[in-house]
Amino acid sequence: MTGKPAKSSGWLVNLCAFIAVILIGVSLILSKIHVFGQVAGAFMIIANVIAYLVVAVVSFFYVARKKNVWLWVVWIVSIILIIISYVIR
């Protein structure tokens, strides 16, 4: 054993959150330049999807630790509503 700490899966969530923040920042800057309006919109959509996924994953682990049926019901309904509202948009 080398004494290095084991990597957790949290690094992936942190990386996704970091990428989402970068995309949001870039899209906000590009949205001010009218030529790049569509590119900024695409970046914002990707950043929103990543942000929603990060929130869904983190909340999933919270609900899984609590082991409460009602939390599962609320979580599933909320995820379904997010997906429906995003698709309808």
Protein backbone atom coordinates (compact mmCIF):
# COMPACT_ATOMS: atom_id res chain seq x y z
CA MET A 1 0.00 0.00 0.00
CA THR A 2 1.28 3.42 -0.91
CA GLY A 3 -0.66 5.35 1.69
CA LYS A 4 -2.64 7.37 -0.87
CA PRO A 5 -6.26 8.02 0.02
CA ALA A 6 -8.82 6.18 -2.06
CA LYS A 7 -10.56 8.30 -4.68
CA SER A 8 -14.26 8.75 -4.15
CA SER A 9 -16.82 9.29 -6.86
CA GLY A 10 -17.25 12.87 -5.68
CA TRP A 11 -14.47 14.04 -7.99
CA LEU A 12 -16.72 13.43 -11.00
CA VAL A 13 -19.53 15.53 -9.54
CA ASN A 14 -17.04 18.28 -8.71
CA LEU A 15 -15.63 18.17 -12.25
CA CYS A 16 -19.11 18.39 -13.79
CA ALA A 17 -19.99 21.34 -11.56
CA PHE A 18 -16.73 23.06 -12.56
CA ILE A 19 -17.43 22.52 -16.26
CA ALA A 20 -20.98 23.84 -15.83
CA VAL A 21 -19.67 27.02 -14.18
CA ILE A 22 -17.16 27.53 -16.98
CA LEU A 23 -19.83 27.05 -19.65
CA ILE A 24 -22.18 29.47 -17.90
CA GLY A 25 -19.44 32.09 -17.69
CA VAL A 26 -18.44 31.68 -21.33
CA SER A 27 -22.04 31.77 -22.50
CA LEU A 28 -22.71 34.96 -20.53
CA ILE A 29 -19.72 36.62 -22.16
CA LEU A 30 -20.61 35.35 -25.64
CA SER A 31 -24.22 36.43 -25.27
CA LYS A 32 -23.03 40.05 -25.13
CA ILE A 33 -21.46 39.61 -28.59
CA HIS A 34 -24.36 39.39 -31.01
CA VAL A 35 -22.45 37.28 -33.53
CA PHE A 36 -22.09 34.46 -31.00
CA GLY A 37 -25.68 34.48 -29.74
CA GLN A 38 -26.48 30.94 -30.89
CA VAL A 39 -23.22 29.55 -29.56
CA ALA A 40 -23.90 31.18 -26.20
CA GLY A 41 -27.38 29.65 -26.18
CA ALA A 42 -25.94 26.21 -26.87
CA PHE A 43 -23.37 26.60 -24.09
CA MET A 44 -26.10 27.70 -21.70
CA ILE A 45 -28.23 24.65 -22.54
CA ILE A 46 -25.28 22.31 -21.97
CA ALA A 47 -24.40 24.06 -18.71
CA ASN A 48 -27.99 23.78 -17.49
CA VAL A 49 -28.14 20.08 -18.30
CA ILE A 50 -24.87 19.46 -16.45
CA ALA A 51 -26.06 21.50 -13.48
CA TYR A 52 -29.35 19.60 -13.33
CA LEU A 53 -27.47 16.29 -13.49
CA VAL A 54 -25.12 17.30 -10.68
CA VAL A 55 -28.04 18.32 -8.49
CA ALA A 56 -29.91 15.11 -9.31
CA VAL A 57 -26.90 12.91 -8.49
CA VAL A 58 -26.13 14.67 -5.21
CA SER A 59 -29.77 14.60 -4.15
CA PHE A 60 -29.97 10.91 -5.10
CA PHE A 61 -27.18 10.05 -2.66
CA TYR A 62 -28.88 12.13 0.03
CA VAL A 63 -32.17 10.28 -0.45
CA ALA A 64 -30.41 6.91 -0.59
CA ARG A 65 -28.73 7.55 2.77
CA LYS A 66 -31.98 8.56 4.49
CA LYS A 67 -33.84 5.39 3.40
CA ASN A 68 -37.24 7.03 3.57
CA VAL A 69 -39.93 6.01 1.07
CA TRP A 70 -41.48 9.48 0.99
CA LEU A 71 -38.17 11.09 0.14
CA TRP A 72 -37.86 8.65 -2.76
CA VAL A 73 -41.36 9.53 -3.97
CA VAL A 74 -40.69 13.27 -3.78
CA TRP A 75 -37.30 12.84 -5.48
CA ILE A 76 -38.71 10.77 -8.35
CA VAL A 77 -41.64 13.12 -8.92
CA SER A 78 -39.28 16.11 -8.87
CA ILE A 79 -36.89 14.53 -11.37
CA ILE A 80 -39.80 13.67 -13.68
CA LEU A 81 -41.12 17.24 -13.45
CA ILE A 82 -37.68 18.66 -14.23
CA ILE A 83 -37.34 16.42 -17.28
CA ILE A 84 -40.84 17.22 -18.53
CA SER A 85 -40.42 20.97 -18.06
CA TYR A 86 -37.03 20.93 -19.77
CA VAL A 87 -38.32 18.94 -22.74
CA ILE A 88 -41.42 21.12 -23.14
CA ARG A 89 -39.35 24.29 -23.02
